[in-house]
Amino acid sequence: MKNKKLYRDTEHAKLAGVCAGIAAYLGTEVWLVRLLTISAFLFTAGFFVLIAYIAAYFILDEMPAKQQWRQSSYQKYNIKMTAWQSGVSSQQILQNVSNALDNVESDIENMEAYVTSFAFKMHKAFPNKK
C-alpha cells in the first residue's frame, strides 16, 4: 500500500486548504468535505470544529509543488463515475487525449523537419560560439 501524507492543498483552497487537503487524502470530492465541515460547525460543536480547523492549518504542511502538479495533471483526466461527481465524461477525456497526441505528433514532425534540414547541418557544422 502506498504511504499517503496529509497536506494542506493551497491550489484548490477556498480558505486555507485544509478541507481540500483532506479530500485529496481521502480521495473524495472537496465540496463534500467542505459541506461536512460546515455542517459540523453549524449543527454540532462549532467552537471545537473551528479550533480543529485552525490547528490543522498550523499543523499540516503545504502540499509540495511537485505533488500539486501531479494532482492537477491527474484531474485533467478524472473520469466522472456518477452524475454528482466532479470531473469530465469519458468522451471528453478521450477527446483530450486525442488532442494531446495530435500535438505530440505535430511536434515530432517539426523536429524531424528540422533535423533533416540544411539549417540543422549548418548549425551542427558551425555551432555558435559565445
Protein backbone atom coordinates (compact mmCIF):
# COMPACT_ATOMS: atom_id res chain seq x y z
CA MET A 1 0.00 0.00 0.00
CA LYS A 2 1.27 3.43 -0.92
CA ASN A 3 2.01 5.72 2.02
CA LYS A 4 -0.03 8.88 1.73
CA LYS A 5 0.63 12.04 3.70
CA LEU A 6 -1.94 14.62 4.69
CA TYR A 7 -1.16 18.12 3.38
CA ARG A 8 -2.97 21.42 3.00
CA ASP A 9 -3.90 21.82 -0.67
CA THR A 10 -3.49 25.56 -1.26
CA GLU A 11 -4.07 25.28 -5.02
CA HIS A 12 -7.69 24.19 -4.54
CA ALA A 13 -8.22 26.13 -1.32
CA LYS A 14 -11.15 28.37 -0.51
CA LEU A 15 -9.89 29.44 2.91
CA ALA A 16 -6.67 27.73 3.99
CA GLY A 17 -6.64 24.45 2.05
CA VAL A 18 -7.42 22.15 4.98
CA CYS A 19 -10.64 20.71 3.51
CA ALA A 20 -9.07 20.37 0.05
CA GLY A 21 -6.13 18.53 1.59
CA ILE A 22 -8.39 16.17 3.49
CA ALA A 23 -10.40 15.50 0.33
CA ALA A 24 -7.21 14.73 -1.62
CA TYR A 25 -6.02 12.42 1.15
CA LEU A 26 -9.33 10.54 1.33
CA GLY A 27 -9.85 10.54 -2.45
CA THR A 28 -13.24 12.17 -2.21
CA GLU A 29 -14.86 15.32 -3.51
CA VAL A 30 -13.75 18.63 -1.99
CA TRP A 31 -17.28 20.00 -1.85
CA LEU A 32 -18.36 17.01 0.24
CA VAL A 33 -15.64 17.59 2.85
CA ARG A 34 -16.48 21.31 2.93
CA LEU A 35 -20.17 20.53 3.36
CA LEU A 36 -19.44 18.14 6.23
CA THR A 37 -17.15 20.67 7.90
CA ILE A 38 -19.68 23.50 7.65
CA SER A 39 -22.47 21.20 8.83
CA ALA A 40 -20.41 20.10 11.81
CA PHE A 41 -19.66 23.74 12.59
CA LEU A 42 -23.28 24.88 12.37
CA PHE A 43 -25.15 21.93 13.85
CA THR A 44 -22.83 20.41 16.42
CA ALA A 45 -19.76 21.74 18.21
CA GLY A 46 -18.93 24.86 16.23
CA PHE A 47 -16.20 26.08 18.56
CA PHE A 48 -14.38 22.73 18.51
CA VAL A 49 -14.59 22.49 14.71
CA LEU A 50 -13.16 25.99 14.42
CA ILE A 51 -10.31 25.16 16.82
CA ALA A 52 -9.61 21.89 14.96
CA TYR A 53 -9.56 23.73 11.61
CA ILE A 54 -7.14 26.36 12.91
CA ALA A 55 -4.96 23.67 14.50
CA ALA A 56 -4.91 21.72 11.22
CA TYR A 57 -3.85 24.90 9.41
CA PHE A 58 -0.80 25.24 11.65
CA ILE A 59 -0.01 21.51 11.94
CA LEU A 60 -0.32 20.43 8.31
CA ASP A 61 2.41 21.26 5.83
CA GLU A 62 1.61 22.85 2.50
CA MET A 63 1.40 20.38 -0.37
CA PRO A 64 4.70 20.29 -2.32
CA ALA A 65 4.64 21.84 -5.78
CA LYS A 66 5.53 18.54 -7.45
CA GLN A 67 2.59 16.78 -5.84
CA GLN A 68 0.25 19.69 -6.67
CA TRP A 69 1.34 19.46 -10.30
CA ARG A 70 0.80 15.69 -10.32
CA GLN A 71 -2.62 16.04 -8.73
CA SER A 72 -3.74 18.74 -11.17
CA SER A 73 -2.49 16.71 -14.15
CA TYR A 74 -4.45 13.69 -12.89
CA GLN A 75 -7.54 15.84 -12.51
CA LYS A 76 -7.40 16.68 -16.22
CA TYR A 77 -8.15 13.01 -16.83
CA ASN A 78 -10.51 12.49 -13.88
CA ILE A 79 -13.40 10.38 -15.15
CA LYS A 80 -16.80 11.17 -13.73
CA MET A 81 -18.31 7.92 -12.49
CA THR A 82 -21.60 9.35 -11.22
CA ALA A 83 -23.56 12.47 -12.07
CA TRP A 84 -22.78 14.28 -8.80
CA GLN A 85 -19.01 13.80 -9.02
CA SER A 86 -16.68 16.43 -10.35
CA GLY A 87 -14.71 15.51 -13.40
CA VAL A 88 -15.37 15.07 -17.07
CA SER A 89 -17.09 12.43 -19.12
CA SER A 90 -15.16 9.61 -20.72
CA GLN A 91 -15.85 11.04 -24.18
CA GLN A 92 -14.27 14.35 -23.19
CA ILE A 93 -11.22 12.59 -21.74
CA LEU A 94 -10.84 10.59 -24.95
CA GLN A 95 -11.01 13.85 -26.93
CA ASN A 96 -8.41 15.48 -24.62
CA VAL A 97 -6.03 12.54 -25.02
CA SER A 98 -6.54 12.56 -28.79
CA ASN A 99 -5.74 16.29 -28.92
CA ALA A 100 -2.63 15.80 -26.78
CA LEU A 101 -1.40 13.01 -29.07
CA ASP A 102 -2.06 15.17 -32.14
CA ASN A 103 0.06 17.94 -30.56
CA VAL A 104 2.88 15.47 -29.84
CA GLU A 105 2.73 14.18 -33.40
CA SER A 106 2.94 17.74 -34.73
CA ASP A 107 5.96 18.46 -32.51
CA ILE A 108 7.71 15.30 -33.71
CA GLU A 109 7.06 16.23 -37.34
CA ASN A 110 8.57 19.68 -36.71
CA MET A 111 11.65 18.12 -35.08
CA GLU A 112 12.08 15.68 -37.97
CA ALA A 113 11.78 18.52 -40.47
CA TYR A 114 14.46 20.50 -38.65
CA VAL A 115 16.85 17.56 -38.21
CA THR A 116 16.68 16.76 -41.92
CA SER A 117 17.05 20.40 -42.98
CA PHE A 118 20.08 22.23 -44.33
CA ALA A 119 19.91 24.67 -41.39
CA PHE A 120 20.49 21.82 -38.92
CA LYS A 121 23.52 20.63 -40.90
CA MET A 122 24.93 24.16 -40.87
CA HIS A 123 24.29 24.63 -37.13
CA LYS A 124 25.93 21.27 -36.46
CA ALA A 125 28.95 22.08 -38.63
CA PHE A 126 29.37 25.64 -37.38
CA PRO A 127 28.00 25.96 -33.83
CA ASN A 128 27.55 29.42 -32.34
CA LYS A 129 30.45 30.29 -30.11
CA LYS A 130 29.78 32.83 -27.42
